[in-house]
Amino acid sequence: MIIATAGHVDHGKTHLLQALTGTNANRLPEEQKRGLIIGLGYVFMPYHSEQTQQREALRFIDVPGHEKFLCNMLAGVGTAHHAILIVAGDKGMKL
C-alpha cells in the first residue's frame, strides 16, 4: 500500500512519518538545510499482516507542501493509493 502525505508546508508531515517509521524523509543536504522536503521522500513501515500471514510494508511518499514545488507534489500524489492530509491544529489558518 502506498500512502502520500500532503498538506501545507511546515505542518509536520515529515515529522509524523519520522515518528511512525524512524526514518527522516529529508535526505538531501538542501532539504536538511531548509528543513523542508523539496523532492519526494520515500519511507516505509514494516508490519505483519493478519490477512496474508506475511510481513508487509506500508510505503509512504512525503511530498512537498510549498507552492514552488507543486510539480514534485503532483508527481508524488499521482502514484499513491491513499493520502493523509496533515493539518496542524495549533497553528490556525494559513493563507
PDB file of N, CA and C in Angstrom:
ATOM      1  N   MET A   1       0.836  -1.165   0.000  1.00  0.00           N
ATOM      2  CA  MET A   1       0.000   0.000   0.000  1.00  0.00           C
ATOM      3  C   MET A   1       0.889   1.238   0.000  1.00  0.00           C
ATOM      4  N   ILE A   2       0.548   2.190  -0.833  1.00  0.00           N
ATOM      5  CA  ILE A   2       1.297   3.446  -0.918  1.00  0.00           C
ATOM      6  C   ILE A   2       0.412   4.569  -0.390  1.00  0.00           C
ATOM      7  N   ILE A   3       0.951   5.342   0.549  1.00  0.00           N
ATOM      8  CA  ILE A   3       0.225   6.442   1.172  1.00  0.00           C
ATOM      9  C   ILE A   3       1.034   7.715   0.972  1.00  0.00           C
ATOM     10  N   ALA A   4       0.397   8.758   0.465  1.00  0.00           N
ATOM     11  CA  ALA A   4       1.066  10.047   0.306  1.00  0.00           C
ATOM     12  C   ALA A   4       0.649  10.971   1.438  1.00  0.00           C
ATOM     13  N   THR A   5       1.593  11.736   1.947  1.00  0.00           N
ATOM     14  CA  THR A   5       1.265  12.787   2.909  1.00  0.00           C
ATOM     15  C   THR A   5       1.254  14.103   2.151  1.00  0.00           C
ATOM     16  N   ALA A   6       0.179  14.842   2.297  1.00  0.00           N
ATOM     17  CA  ALA A   6       0.052  16.104   1.577  1.00  0.00           C
ATOM     18  C   ALA A   6      -0.507  17.156   2.518  1.00  0.00           C
ATOM     19  N   GLY A   7      -0.066  18.364   2.351  1.00  0.00           N
ATOM     20  CA  GLY A   7      -0.569  19.456   3.170  1.00  0.00           C
ATOM     21  C   GLY A   7       0.348  20.658   3.054  1.00  0.00           C
ATOM     22  N   HIS A   8      -0.015  21.712   3.731  1.00  0.00           N
ATOM     23  CA  HIS A   8       0.748  22.952   3.687  1.00  0.00           C
ATOM     24  C   HIS A   8       2.141  22.740   4.269  1.00  0.00           C
ATOM     25  N   VAL A   9       3.083  23.509   3.797  1.00  0.00           N
ATOM     26  CA  VAL A   9       4.465  23.425   4.258  1.00  0.00           C
ATOM     27  C   VAL A   9       4.530  23.692   5.764  1.00  0.00           C
ATOM     28  N   ASP A  10       5.404  22.979   6.441  1.00  0.00           N
ATOM     29  CA  ASP A  10       5.699  23.180   7.860  1.00  0.00           C
ATOM     30  C   ASP A  10       4.529  22.856   8.787  1.00  0.00           C
ATOM     31  N   HIS A  11       3.783  21.816   8.428  1.00  0.00           N
ATOM     32  CA  HIS A  11       2.691  21.363   9.297  1.00  0.00           C
ATOM     33  C   HIS A  11       2.959  19.990   9.885  1.00  0.00           C
ATOM     34  N   GLY A  12       4.170  19.460   9.726  1.00  0.00           N
ATOM     35  CA  GLY A  12       4.531  18.245  10.438  1.00  0.00           C
ATOM     36  C   GLY A  12       4.416  16.939   9.680  1.00  0.00           C
ATOM     37  N   LYS A  13       4.270  16.978   8.363  1.00  0.00           N
ATOM     38  CA  LYS A  13       4.160  15.740   7.587  1.00  0.00           C
ATOM     39  C   LYS A  13       5.405  14.879   7.737  1.00  0.00           C
ATOM     40  N   THR A  14       6.567  15.468   7.566  1.00  0.00           N
ATOM     41  CA  THR A  14       7.831  14.732   7.652  1.00  0.00           C
ATOM     42  C   THR A  14       8.078  14.244   9.073  1.00  0.00           C
ATOM     43  N   HIS A  15       7.735  15.052  10.052  1.00  0.00           N
ATOM     44  CA  HIS A  15       7.912  14.647  11.453  1.00  0.00           C
ATOM     45  C   HIS A  15       6.995  13.480  11.809  1.00  0.00           C
ATOM     46  N   LEU A  16       5.774  13.490  11.280  1.00  0.00           N
ATOM     47  CA  LEU A  16       4.860  12.374  11.518  1.00  0.00           C
ATOM     48  C   LEU A  16       5.430  11.086  10.947  1.00  0.00           C
ATOM     49  N   LEU A  17       5.930  11.145   9.720  1.00  0.00           N
ATOM     50  CA  LEU A  17       6.500   9.942   9.108  1.00  0.00           C
ATOM     51  C   LEU A  17       7.744   9.476   9.854  1.00  0.00           C
ATOM     52  N   GLN A  18       8.543  10.395  10.346  1.00  0.00           N
ATOM     53  CA  GLN A  18       9.726  10.004  11.112  1.00  0.00           C
ATOM     54  C   GLN A  18       9.300   9.329  12.415  1.00  0.00           C
ATOM     55  N   ALA A  19       8.245   9.823  13.033  1.00  0.00           N
ATOM     56  CA  ALA A  19       7.750   9.203  14.264  1.00  0.00           C
ATOM     57  C   ALA A  19       7.202   7.798  13.993  1.00  0.00           C
ATOM     58  N   LEU A  20       6.542   7.611  12.853  1.00  0.00           N
ATOM     59  CA  LEU A  20       5.977   6.298  12.505  1.00  0.00           C
ATOM     60  C   LEU A  20       7.028   5.284  12.074  1.00  0.00           C
ATOM     61  N   THR A  21       8.025   5.759  11.311  1.00  0.00           N
ATOM     62  CA  THR A  21       8.963   4.825  10.666  1.00  0.00           C
ATOM     63  C   THR A  21      10.378   4.868  11.218  1.00  0.00           C
ATOM     64  N   GLY A  22      10.734   5.953  11.896  1.00  0.00           N
ATOM     65  CA  GLY A  22      12.102   6.105  12.367  1.00  0.00           C
ATOM     66  C   GLY A  22      13.055   6.605  11.298  1.00  0.00           C
ATOM     67  N   THR A  23      12.519   6.971  10.141  1.00  0.00           N
ATOM     68  CA  THR A  23      13.347   7.435   9.026  1.00  0.00           C
ATOM     69  C   THR A  23      12.981   8.869   8.670  1.00  0.00           C
ATOM     70  N   ASN A  24      13.994   9.716   8.504  1.00  0.00           N
ATOM     71  CA  ASN A  24      13.779  11.094   8.092  1.00  0.00           C
ATOM     72  C   ASN A  24      13.726  11.146   6.571  1.00  0.00           C
ATOM     73  N   ALA A  25      12.611  11.606   6.025  1.00  0.00           N
ATOM     74  CA  ALA A  25      12.452  11.689   4.568  1.00  0.00           C
ATOM     75  C   ALA A  25      13.253  12.840   3.967  1.00  0.00           C
ATOM     76  N   ASN A  26      13.692  13.794   4.782  1.00  0.00           N
ATOM     77  CA  ASN A  26      14.569  14.879   4.311  1.00  0.00           C
ATOM     78  C   ASN A  26      15.974  14.314   4.150  1.00  0.00           C
ATOM     79  N   ARG A  27      16.270  13.746   3.003  1.00  0.00           N
ATOM     80  CA  ARG A  27      17.542  13.050   2.813  1.00  0.00           C
ATOM     81  C   ARG A  27      18.604  13.891   2.113  1.00  0.00           C
ATOM     82  N   LEU A  28      18.188  14.888   1.369  1.00  0.00           N
ATOM     83  CA  LEU A  28      19.139  15.711   0.620  1.00  0.00           C
ATOM     84  C   LEU A  28      19.711  16.812   1.504  1.00  0.00           C
ATOM     85  N   PRO A  29      20.979  17.168   1.316  1.00  0.00           N
ATOM     86  CA  PRO A  29      21.573  18.240   2.124  1.00  0.00           C
ATOM     87  C   PRO A  29      20.781  19.553   2.057  1.00  0.00           C
ATOM     88  N   GLU A  30      20.270  19.901   0.885  1.00  0.00           N
ATOM     89  CA  GLU A  30      19.490  21.136   0.745  1.00  0.00           C
ATOM     90  C   GLU A  30      18.188  21.053   1.538  1.00  0.00           C
ATOM     91  N   GLU A  31      17.577  19.868   1.570  1.00  0.00           N
ATOM     92  CA  GLU A  31      16.353  19.688   2.344  1.00  0.00           C
ATOM     93  C   GLU A  31      16.635  19.805   3.843  1.00  0.00           C
ATOM     94  N   GLN A  32      17.736  19.235   4.272  1.00  0.00           N
ATOM     95  CA  GLN A  32      18.097  19.315   5.685  1.00  0.00           C
ATOM     96  C   GLN A  32      18.426  20.748   6.073  1.00  0.00           C
ATOM     97  N   LYS A  33      19.075  21.474   5.178  1.00  0.00           N
ATOM     98  CA  LYS A  33      19.431  22.876   5.434  1.00  0.00           C
ATOM     99  C   LYS A  33      18.174  23.738   5.550  1.00  0.00           C
ATOM    100  N   ARG A  34      17.217  23.537   4.632  1.00  0.00           N
ATOM    101  CA  ARG A  34      15.980  24.327   4.631  1.00  0.00           C
ATOM    102  C   ARG A  34      14.972  23.831   5.664  1.00  0.00           C
ATOM    103  N   GLY A  35      15.081  22.551   6.012  1.00  0.00           N
ATOM    104  CA  GLY A  35      14.118  21.968   6.938  1.00  0.00           C
ATOM    105  C   GLY A  35      12.786  21.653   6.290  1.00  0.00           C
ATOM    106  N   LEU A  36      12.800  21.453   4.969  1.00  0.00           N
ATOM    107  CA  LEU A  36      11.577  21.085   4.264  1.00  0.00           C
ATOM    108  C   LEU A  36      11.889  20.213   3.063  1.00  0.00           C
ATOM    109  N   ILE A  37      10.920  19.407   2.698  1.00  0.00           N
ATOM    110  CA  ILE A  37      11.039  18.492   1.559  1.00  0.00           C
ATOM    111  C   ILE A  37      10.988  19.299   0.264  1.00  0.00           C
ATOM    112  N   ILE A  38      11.906  19.000  -0.652  1.00  0.00           N
ATOM    113  CA  ILE A  38      11.924  19.642  -1.964  1.00  0.00           C
ATOM    114  C   ILE A  38      11.509  18.630  -3.024  1.00  0.00           C
ATOM    115  N   GLY A  39      12.142  17.462  -2.981  1.00  0.00           N
ATOM    116  CA  GLY A  39      11.807  16.381  -3.896  1.00  0.00           C
ATOM    117  C   GLY A  39      10.745  15.505  -3.267  1.00  0.00           C
ATOM    118  N   LEU A  40      10.810  14.226  -3.541  1.00  0.00           N
ATOM    119  CA  LEU A  40       9.892  13.273  -2.927  1.00  0.00           C
ATOM    120  C   LEU A  40      10.665  12.448  -1.912  1.00  0.00           C
ATOM    121  N   GLY A  41      10.094  12.286  -0.742  1.00  0.00           N
ATOM    122  CA  GLY A  41      10.720  11.475   0.291  1.00  0.00           C
ATOM    123  C   GLY A  41      10.007  10.132   0.383  1.00  0.00           C
ATOM    124  N   TYR A  42      10.775   9.050   0.416  1.00  0.00           N
ATOM    125  CA  TYR A  42      10.203   7.710   0.478  1.00  0.00           C
ATOM    126  C   TYR A  42      10.637   7.032   1.770  1.00  0.00           C
ATOM    127  N   VAL A  43       9.675   6.572   2.549  1.00  0.00           N
ATOM    128  CA  VAL A  43       9.955   5.820   3.769  1.00  0.00           C
ATOM    129  C   VAL A  43       8.952   4.670   3.837  1.00  0.00           C
ATOM    130  N   PHE A  44       9.277   3.659   4.632  1.00  0.00           N
ATOM    131  CA  PHE A  44       8.341   2.545   4.772  1.00  0.00           C
ATOM    132  C   PHE A  44       8.299   2.073   6.210  1.00  0.00           C
ATOM    133  N   MET A  45       7.201   1.388   6.536  1.00  0.00           N
ATOM    134  CA  MET A  45       6.991   0.863   7.871  1.00  0.00           C
ATOM    135  C   MET A  45       6.547  -0.596   7.753  1.00  0.00           C
ATOM    136  N   PRO A  46       7.408  -1.536   8.143  1.00  0.00           N
ATOM    137  CA  PRO A  46       7.023  -2.947   8.059  1.00  0.00           C
ATOM    138  C   PRO A  46       5.983  -3.310   9.122  1.00  0.00           C
ATOM    139  N   TYR A  47       5.143  -4.264   8.799  1.00  0.00           N
ATOM    140  CA  TYR A  47       4.161  -4.783   9.753  1.00  0.00           C
ATOM    141  C   TYR A  47       3.813  -6.212   9.349  1.00  0.00           C
ATOM    142  N   HIS A  48       3.220  -6.944  10.256  1.00  0.00           N
ATOM    143  CA  HIS A  48       2.792  -8.315   9.975  1.00  0.00           C
ATOM    144  C   HIS A  48       1.307  -8.288   9.638  1.00  0.00           C
ATOM    145  N   SER A  49       0.942  -8.769   8.461  1.00  0.00           N
ATOM    146  CA  SER A  49      -0.446  -8.772   8.024  1.00  0.00           C
ATOM    147  C   SER A  49      -1.166 -10.003   8.561  1.00  0.00           C
ATOM    148  N   GLU A  50      -2.225  -9.775   9.307  1.00  0.00           N
ATOM    149  CA  GLU A  50      -3.043 -10.895   9.797  1.00  0.00           C
ATOM    150  C   GLU A  50      -3.781 -11.565   8.640  1.00  0.00           C
ATOM    151  N   GLN A  51      -4.106 -10.793   7.623  1.00  0.00           N
ATOM    152  CA  GLN A  51      -4.869 -11.306   6.491  1.00  0.00           C
ATOM    153  C   GLN A  51      -4.044 -12.275   5.640  1.00  0.00           C
ATOM    154  N   THR A  52      -2.811 -11.919   5.325  1.00  0.00           N
ATOM    155  CA  THR A  52      -1.974 -12.763   4.465  1.00  0.00           C
ATOM    156  C   THR A  52      -0.977 -13.599   5.245  1.00  0.00           C
ATOM    157  N   GLN A  53      -0.861 -13.329   6.563  1.00  0.00           N
ATOM    158  CA  GLN A  53       0.110 -14.020   7.420  1.00  0.00           C
ATOM    159  C   GLN A  53       1.546 -13.843   6.918  1.00  0.00           C
ATOM    160  N   GLN A  54       1.817 -12.684   6.346  1.00  0.00           N
ATOM    161  CA  GLN A  54       3.155 -12.368   5.846  1.00  0.00           C
ATOM    162  C   GLN A  54       3.557 -10.982   6.324  1.00  0.00           C
ATOM    163  N   ARG A  55       4.866 -10.736   6.236  1.00  0.00           N
ATOM    164  CA  ARG A  55       5.352  -9.385   6.518  1.00  0.00           C
ATOM    165  C   ARG A  55       5.024  -8.508   5.319  1.00  0.00           C
ATOM    166  N   GLU A  56       4.465  -7.377   5.604  1.00  0.00           N
ATOM    167  CA  GLU A  56       4.099  -6.403   4.584  1.00  0.00           C
ATOM    168  C   GLU A  56       4.790  -5.085   4.930  1.00  0.00           C
ATOM    169  N   ALA A  57       4.586  -4.091   4.095  1.00  0.00           N
ATOM    170  CA  ALA A  57       5.141  -2.766   4.394  1.00  0.00           C
ATOM    171  C   ALA A  57       4.175  -1.692   3.919  1.00  0.00           C
ATOM    172  N   LEU A  58       3.949  -0.728   4.790  1.00  0.00           N
ATOM    173  CA  LEU A  58       3.252   0.479   4.365  1.00  0.00           C
ATOM    174  C   LEU A  58       4.323   1.379   3.761  1.00  0.00           C
ATOM    175  N   ARG A  59       4.085   1.854   2.571  1.00  0.00           N
ATOM    176  CA  ARG A  59       5.043   2.715   1.891  1.00  0.00           C
ATOM    177  C   ARG A  59       4.469   4.130   1.865  1.00  0.00           C
ATOM    178  N   PHE A  60       5.295   5.079   2.279  1.00  0.00           N
ATOM    179  CA  PHE A  60       4.862   6.467   2.357  1.00  0.00           C
ATOM    180  C   PHE A  60       5.662   7.312   1.375  1.00  0.00           C
ATOM    181  N   ILE A  61       4.983   8.237   0.720  1.00  0.00           N
ATOM    182  CA  ILE A  61       5.634   9.244  -0.111  1.00  0.00           C
ATOM    183  C   ILE A  61       5.371  10.583   0.560  1.00  0.00           C
ATOM    184  N   ASP A  62       6.438  11.229   0.986  1.00  0.00           N
ATOM    185  CA  ASP A  62       6.339  12.554   1.603  1.00  0.00           C
ATOM    186  C   ASP A  62       6.512  13.574   0.491  1.00  0.00           C
ATOM    187  N   VAL A  63       5.450  14.317   0.216  1.00  0.00           N
ATOM    188  CA  VAL A  63       5.501  15.272  -0.900  1.00  0.00           C
ATOM    189  C   VAL A  63       5.677  16.684  -0.369  1.00  0.00           C
ATOM    190  N   PRO A  64       6.288  17.572  -1.172  1.00  0.00           N
ATOM    191  CA  PRO A  64       6.481  18.953  -0.735  1.00  0.00           C
ATOM    192  C   PRO A  64       5.149  19.660  -0.527  1.00  0.00           C
ATOM    193  N   GLY A  65       5.115  20.576   0.430  1.00  0.00           N
ATOM    194  CA  GLY A  65       3.917  21.358   0.675  1.00  0.00           C
ATOM    195  C   GLY A  65       4.040  22.798   0.216  1.00  0.00           C
ATOM    196  N   HIS A  66       5.208  23.168  -0.298  1.00  0.00           N
ATOM    197  CA  HIS A  66       5.426  24.550  -0.723  1.00  0.00           C
ATOM    198  C   HIS A  66       5.000  24.716  -2.173  1.00  0.00           C
ATOM    199  N   GLU A  67       4.345  25.834  -2.487  1.00  0.00           N
ATOM    200  CA  GLU A  67       3.823  26.065  -3.830  1.00  0.00           C
ATOM    201  C   GLU A  67       4.906  26.061  -4.916  1.00  0.00           C
ATOM    202  N   LYS A  68       6.145  26.389  -4.565  1.00  0.00           N
ATOM    203  CA  LYS A  68       7.232  26.388  -5.550  1.00  0.00           C
ATOM    204  C   LYS A  68       7.550  24.974  -6.051  1.00  0.00           C
ATOM    205  N   PHE A  69       7.146  23.962  -5.279  1.00  0.00           N
ATOM    206  CA  PHE A  69       7.462  22.581  -5.631  1.00  0.00           C
ATOM    207  C   PHE A  69       6.198  21.795  -5.973  1.00  0.00           C
ATOM    208  N   LEU A  70       5.212  22.483  -6.544  1.00  0.00           N
ATOM    209  CA  LEU A  70       3.928  21.872  -6.876  1.00  0.00           C
ATOM    210  C   LEU A  70       4.084  20.694  -7.846  1.00  0.00           C
ATOM    211  N   CYS A  71       4.969  20.809  -8.817  1.00  0.00           N
ATOM    212  CA  CYS A  71       5.168  19.704  -9.776  1.00  0.00           C
ATOM    213  C   CYS A  71       5.643  18.444  -9.061  1.00  0.00           C
ATOM    214  N   ASN A  72       6.547  18.592  -8.110  1.00  0.00           N
ATOM    215  CA  ASN A  72       7.012  17.437  -7.343  1.00  0.00           C
ATOM    216  C   ASN A  72       5.876  16.854  -6.508  1.00  0.00           C
ATOM    217  N   MET A  73       5.056  17.716  -5.923  1.00  0.00           N
ATOM    218  CA  MET A  73       3.929  17.247  -5.123  1.00  0.00           C
ATOM    219  C   MET A  73       2.981  16.422  -5.983  1.00  0.00           C
ATOM    220  N   LEU A  74       2.639  16.927  -7.154  1.00  0.00           N
ATOM    221  CA  LEU A  74       1.717  16.214  -8.027  1.00  0.00           C
ATOM    222  C   LEU A  74       2.294  14.888  -8.506  1.00  0.00           C
ATOM    223  N   ALA A  75       3.589  14.860  -8.758  1.00  0.00           N
ATOM    224  CA  ALA A  75       4.230  13.600  -9.165  1.00  0.00           C
ATOM    225  C   ALA A  75       4.131  12.559  -8.058  1.00  0.00           C
ATOM    226  N   GLY A  76       4.232  12.981  -6.811  1.00  0.00           N
ATOM    227  CA  GLY A  76       4.166  12.046  -5.690  1.00  0.00           C
ATOM    228  C   GLY A  76       2.768  11.554  -5.400  1.00  0.00           C
ATOM    229  N   VAL A  77       1.798  12.449  -5.387  1.00  0.00           N
ATOM    230  CA  VAL A  77       0.438  12.028  -5.044  1.00  0.00           C
ATOM    231  C   VAL A  77      -0.230  11.279  -6.182  1.00  0.00           C
ATOM    232  N   GLY A  78       0.267  11.440  -7.385  1.00  0.00           N
ATOM    233  CA  GLY A  78      -0.331  10.756  -8.533  1.00  0.00           C
ATOM    234  C   GLY A  78      -0.170   9.245  -8.499  1.00  0.00           C
ATOM    235  N   THR A  79       0.807   8.744  -7.764  1.00  0.00           N
ATOM    236  CA  THR A  79       1.039   7.298  -7.714  1.00  0.00           C
ATOM    237  C   THR A  79       0.506   6.658  -6.438  1.00  0.00           C
ATOM    238  N   ALA A  80      -0.044   7.449  -5.548  1.00  0.00           N
ATOM    239  CA  ALA A  80      -0.478   6.941  -4.247  1.00  0.00           C
ATOM    240  C   ALA A  80      -1.855   6.305  -4.315  1.00  0.00           C
ATOM    241  N   HIS A  81      -2.058   5.302  -3.482  1.00  0.00           N
ATOM    242  CA  HIS A  81      -3.365   4.667  -3.354  1.00  0.00           C
ATOM    243  C   HIS A  81      -4.226   5.375  -2.319  1.00  0.00           C
ATOM    244  N   HIS A  82      -3.573   5.969  -1.324  1.00  0.00           N
ATOM    245  CA  HIS A  82      -4.261   6.644  -0.229  1.00  0.00           C
ATOM    246  C   HIS A  82      -3.500   7.918   0.101  1.00  0.00           C
ATOM    247  N   ALA A  83      -4.147   8.827   0.785  1.00  0.00           N
ATOM    248  CA  ALA A  83      -3.485  10.074   1.172  1.00  0.00           C
ATOM    249  C   ALA A  83      -3.795  10.391   2.629  1.00  0.00           C
ATOM    250  N   ILE A  84      -2.849  11.033   3.271  1.00  0.00           N
ATOM    251  CA  ILE A  84      -3.057  11.579   4.595  1.00  0.00           C
ATOM    252  C   ILE A  84      -2.912  13.084   4.460  1.00  0.00           C
ATOM    253  N   LEU A  85      -3.947  13.806   4.792  1.00  0.00           N
ATOM    254  CA  LEU A  85      -3.895  15.264   4.770  1.00  0.00           C
ATOM    255  C   LEU A  85      -3.532  15.710   6.176  1.00  0.00           C
ATOM    256  N   ILE A  86      -2.390  16.350   6.316  1.00  0.00           N
ATOM    257  CA  ILE A  86      -1.885  16.767   7.620  1.00  0.00           C
ATOM    258  C   ILE A  86      -2.212  18.237   7.823  1.00  0.00           C
ATOM    259  N   VAL A  87      -2.883  18.537   8.919  1.00  0.00           N
ATOM    260  CA  VAL A  87      -3.207  19.916   9.277  1.00  0.00           C
ATOM    261  C   VAL A  87      -2.780  20.124  10.725  1.00  0.00           C
ATOM    262  N   ALA A  88      -1.990  21.149  10.956  1.00  0.00           N
ATOM    263  CA  ALA A  88      -1.552  21.449  12.321  1.00  0.00           C
ATOM    264  C   ALA A  88      -2.622  22.297  12.986  1.00  0.00           C
ATOM    265  N   GLY A  89      -3.335  21.723  13.927  1.00  0.00           N
ATOM    266  CA  GLY A  89      -4.410  22.419  14.591  1.00  0.00           C
ATOM    267  C   GLY A  89      -3.941  23.535  15.511  1.00  0.00           C
ATOM    268  N   ASP A  90      -2.674  23.496  15.900  1.00  0.00           N
ATOM    269  CA  ASP A  90      -2.164  24.508  16.821  1.00  0.00           C
ATOM    270  C   ASP A  90      -1.708  25.779  16.119  1.00  0.00           C
ATOM    271  N   LYS A  91      -1.667  25.792  14.801  1.00  0.00           N
ATOM    272  CA  LYS A  91      -1.148  26.963  14.083  1.00  0.00           C
ATOM    273  C   LYS A  91      -2.247  27.811  13.481  1.00  0.00           C
ATOM    274  N   GLY A  92      -3.470  27.336  13.437  1.00  0.00           N
ATOM    275  CA  GLY A  92      -4.565  28.101  12.860  1.00  0.00           C
ATOM    276  C   GLY A  92      -4.507  28.150  11.350  1.00  0.00           C
ATOM    277  N   MET A  93      -5.320  28.992  10.754  1.00  0.00           N
ATOM    278  CA  MET A  93      -5.402  29.088   9.303  1.00  0.00           C
ATOM    279  C   MET A  93      -4.163  29.781   8.749  1.00  0.00           C
ATOM    280  N   LYS A  94      -3.691  29.281   7.604  1.00  0.00           N
ATOM    281  CA  LYS A  94      -2.607  29.936   6.871  1.00  0.00           C
ATOM    282  C   LYS A  94      -3.102  30.218   5.471  1.00  0.00           C
ATOM    283  N   LEU A  95      -2.899  31.410   5.004  1.00  0.00           N
ATOM    284  CA  LEU A  95      -3.342  31.774   3.649  1.00  0.00           C
ATOM    285  C   LEU A  95      -2.163  31.933   2.743  1.00  0.00           C
TER     286      LEU A  95
END
